[in-house]
N, C-alpha and C. Protein backbone atom coordinates (compact mmCIF):
# COMPACT_ATOMS: atom_id res chain seq x y z
N PHE A 1 125.47 77.17 69.76
CA PHE A 1 124.21 77.04 70.48
C PHE A 1 123.84 78.34 71.18
N MET A 2 124.82 78.98 71.80
CA MET A 2 124.55 80.23 72.53
C MET A 2 124.13 81.35 71.58
N LEU A 3 124.70 81.39 70.38
CA LEU A 3 124.31 82.42 69.42
C LEU A 3 122.86 82.23 68.99
N THR A 4 122.47 80.99 68.76
CA THR A 4 121.09 80.70 68.39
C THR A 4 120.16 81.02 69.55
N LEU A 5 120.57 80.67 70.74
CA LEU A 5 119.76 80.94 71.92
C LEU A 5 119.61 82.44 72.15
N ASN A 6 120.66 83.20 71.94
CA ASN A 6 120.59 84.66 72.10
C ASN A 6 119.64 85.29 71.09
N ARG A 7 119.55 84.71 69.90
CA ARG A 7 118.61 85.23 68.90
C ARG A 7 117.18 84.83 69.19
N CYS A 8 116.98 83.66 69.78
CA CYS A 8 115.63 83.15 70.04
C CYS A 8 115.05 83.63 71.36
N PHE A 9 115.87 84.07 72.29
CA PHE A 9 115.39 84.47 73.61
C PHE A 9 114.34 85.58 73.55
N PRO A 10 114.53 86.63 72.75
CA PRO A 10 113.48 87.67 72.70
C PRO A 10 112.13 87.15 72.21
N ILE A 11 112.13 86.26 71.24
CA ILE A 11 110.85 85.73 70.76
C ILE A 11 110.19 84.86 71.81
N PHE A 12 110.98 84.12 72.58
CA PHE A 12 110.42 83.32 73.68
C PHE A 12 109.82 84.22 74.75
N MET A 13 110.48 85.34 75.04
CA MET A 13 109.95 86.29 76.02
C MET A 13 108.62 86.87 75.55
N VAL A 14 108.55 87.23 74.28
CA VAL A 14 107.31 87.79 73.74
C VAL A 14 106.20 86.75 73.79
N LEU A 15 106.49 85.52 73.43
CA LEU A 15 105.48 84.47 73.47
C LEU A 15 105.00 84.20 74.89
N ALA A 16 105.92 84.24 75.84
CA ALA A 16 105.52 84.03 77.24
C ALA A 16 104.65 85.18 77.73
N TRP A 17 104.99 86.40 77.33
CA TRP A 17 104.20 87.56 77.76
C TRP A 17 102.85 87.63 77.07
N ILE A 18 102.76 87.10 75.84
CA ILE A 18 101.46 87.12 75.15
C ILE A 18 100.45 86.30 75.94
N TYR A 19 100.86 85.15 76.45
CA TYR A 19 99.94 84.34 77.25
C TYR A 19 99.54 85.08 78.52
N SER A 20 100.51 85.68 79.18
CA SER A 20 100.22 86.41 80.41
C SER A 20 99.28 87.58 80.16
N VAL A 21 99.54 88.32 79.10
CA VAL A 21 98.69 89.47 78.78
C VAL A 21 97.29 89.01 78.41
N SER A 22 97.18 87.91 77.67
CA SER A 22 95.85 87.43 77.32
C SER A 22 95.06 86.99 78.55
N MET A 23 95.72 86.41 79.54
CA MET A 23 95.04 86.04 80.78
C MET A 23 94.62 87.28 81.58
N ILE A 24 95.44 88.32 81.56
CA ILE A 24 95.10 89.57 82.25
C ILE A 24 93.90 90.23 81.56
N VAL A 25 93.91 90.25 80.24
CA VAL A 25 92.78 90.84 79.50
C VAL A 25 91.51 90.03 79.75
N LYS A 26 91.64 88.72 79.80
CA LYS A 26 90.48 87.86 80.10
C LYS A 26 89.91 88.19 81.48
N SER A 27 90.78 88.40 82.45
CA SER A 27 90.33 88.74 83.81
C SER A 27 89.65 90.10 83.84
N ILE A 28 90.18 91.06 83.11
CA ILE A 28 89.59 92.40 83.08
C ILE A 28 88.22 92.36 82.42
N VAL A 29 88.09 91.62 81.33
CA VAL A 29 86.80 91.51 80.64
C VAL A 29 85.78 90.83 81.55
N LEU A 30 86.21 89.80 82.26
CA LEU A 30 85.31 89.11 83.19
C LEU A 30 84.86 90.06 84.31
N GLU A 31 85.81 90.85 84.81
CA GLU A 31 85.47 91.82 85.86
C GLU A 31 84.48 92.87 85.36
N LYS A 32 84.68 93.32 84.13
CA LYS A 32 83.75 94.29 83.54
C LYS A 32 82.38 93.66 83.32
N GLU A 33 82.38 92.41 82.86
CA GLU A 33 81.13 91.72 82.57
C GLU A 33 80.30 91.49 83.83
N MET A 34 80.97 91.14 84.92
CA MET A 34 80.26 90.87 86.17
C MET A 34 80.07 92.12 87.02
N ARG A 35 80.60 93.26 86.57
CA ARG A 35 80.50 94.55 87.27
C ARG A 35 81.02 94.45 88.71
N LEU A 36 82.18 93.83 88.84
CA LEU A 36 82.77 93.66 90.17
C LEU A 36 83.30 94.97 90.74
N LYS A 37 83.77 95.87 89.87
CA LYS A 37 84.31 97.14 90.36
C LYS A 37 83.21 97.96 91.03
N GLU A 38 82.02 97.98 90.43
CA GLU A 38 80.92 98.72 91.03
C GLU A 38 80.49 98.09 92.36
N THR A 39 80.54 96.77 92.42
CA THR A 39 80.20 96.07 93.66
C THR A 39 81.20 96.40 94.76
N LEU A 40 82.48 96.40 94.40
CA LEU A 40 83.51 96.73 95.39
C LEU A 40 83.40 98.18 95.85
N LYS A 41 83.08 99.09 94.91
CA LYS A 41 82.91 100.49 95.29
C LYS A 41 81.71 100.65 96.22
N ALA A 42 80.64 99.86 95.99
CA ALA A 42 79.47 99.91 96.87
C ALA A 42 79.82 99.41 98.26
N MET A 43 80.80 98.52 98.35
CA MET A 43 81.24 98.01 99.65
C MET A 43 82.20 98.96 100.35
N GLY A 44 82.64 100.00 99.65
CA GLY A 44 83.50 100.98 100.28
C GLY A 44 84.96 100.89 99.90
N VAL A 45 85.31 100.05 98.93
CA VAL A 45 86.70 99.93 98.49
C VAL A 45 87.00 101.10 97.56
N SER A 46 88.12 101.76 97.79
CA SER A 46 88.46 102.93 96.98
C SER A 46 89.00 102.50 95.61
N ASN A 47 88.98 103.45 94.69
CA ASN A 47 89.44 103.19 93.33
C ASN A 47 90.94 102.88 93.30
N GLY A 48 91.71 103.54 94.16
CA GLY A 48 93.16 103.30 94.23
C GLY A 48 93.50 101.89 94.65
N VAL A 49 92.72 101.34 95.57
CA VAL A 49 92.97 99.97 96.03
C VAL A 49 92.68 98.98 94.90
N ILE A 50 91.65 99.23 94.13
CA ILE A 50 91.32 98.35 93.01
C ILE A 50 92.44 98.36 91.97
N TRP A 51 92.94 99.56 91.64
CA TRP A 51 94.05 99.67 90.69
C TRP A 51 95.32 99.01 91.23
N TYR A 52 95.57 99.18 92.52
CA TYR A 52 96.75 98.59 93.15
C TYR A 52 96.71 97.07 93.08
N THR A 53 95.55 96.47 93.34
CA THR A 53 95.44 95.01 93.27
C THR A 53 95.61 94.50 91.84
N TRP A 54 95.08 95.24 90.86
CA TRP A 54 95.28 94.84 89.47
C TRP A 54 96.75 94.92 89.10
N PHE A 55 97.44 95.96 89.60
CA PHE A 55 98.87 96.09 89.32
C PHE A 55 99.66 94.93 89.92
N ILE A 56 99.37 94.60 91.16
CA ILE A 56 100.07 93.50 91.83
C ILE A 56 99.82 92.19 91.10
N ASP A 57 98.57 91.93 90.75
CA ASP A 57 98.24 90.69 90.05
C ASP A 57 98.96 90.61 88.71
N SER A 58 98.94 91.69 87.95
CA SER A 58 99.59 91.71 86.64
C SER A 58 101.10 91.58 86.78
N PHE A 59 101.67 92.28 87.75
CA PHE A 59 103.12 92.24 87.96
C PHE A 59 103.57 90.83 88.35
N LEU A 60 102.80 90.17 89.21
CA LEU A 60 103.16 88.81 89.61
C LEU A 60 103.08 87.84 88.44
N MET A 61 102.07 87.99 87.59
CA MET A 61 101.96 87.12 86.41
C MET A 61 103.15 87.31 85.48
N MET A 62 103.51 88.57 85.23
CA MET A 62 104.64 88.84 84.34
C MET A 62 105.96 88.37 84.95
N THR A 63 106.13 88.57 86.23
CA THR A 63 107.36 88.14 86.90
C THR A 63 107.49 86.62 86.90
N ALA A 64 106.38 85.94 87.14
CA ALA A 64 106.41 84.47 87.14
C ALA A 64 106.76 83.93 85.76
N SER A 65 106.17 84.49 84.71
CA SER A 65 106.47 84.00 83.37
C SER A 65 107.92 84.28 82.99
N THR A 66 108.43 85.44 83.39
CA THR A 66 109.83 85.76 83.10
C THR A 66 110.77 84.85 83.88
N ALA A 67 110.47 84.59 85.13
CA ALA A 67 111.33 83.72 85.95
C ALA A 67 111.33 82.29 85.41
N LEU A 68 110.17 81.80 85.02
CA LEU A 68 110.12 80.44 84.47
C LEU A 68 110.88 80.34 83.16
N LEU A 69 110.75 81.34 82.32
CA LEU A 69 111.45 81.32 81.04
C LEU A 69 112.95 81.39 81.23
N THR A 70 113.42 82.24 82.13
CA THR A 70 114.87 82.34 82.35
C THR A 70 115.38 81.07 83.02
N ALA A 71 114.57 80.43 83.88
CA ALA A 71 115.00 79.16 84.49
C ALA A 71 115.12 78.07 83.43
N ILE A 72 114.21 78.07 82.48
CA ILE A 72 114.28 77.06 81.41
C ILE A 72 115.49 77.31 80.53
N ILE A 73 115.75 78.57 80.24
CA ILE A 73 116.89 78.91 79.38
C ILE A 73 118.21 78.59 80.07
N MET A 74 118.29 78.83 81.37
CA MET A 74 119.55 78.57 82.09
C MET A 74 119.74 77.08 82.23
């Protein structure tokens, strides 16, 4: 069982990340479509803060999917 699980674990990780990446891309496209970045810049938010929030959001999504997958595997 462990040998099979060791072979299947990478494919499960890729499948979990594909969903996370697709949700991140969906959010980015929505942000571009609604021109939220320009609105935030007009409000005085710097470009670095916008990038930092996208990084945190993406990192949390990837960490959550990895943690859930490893919890299921364990």
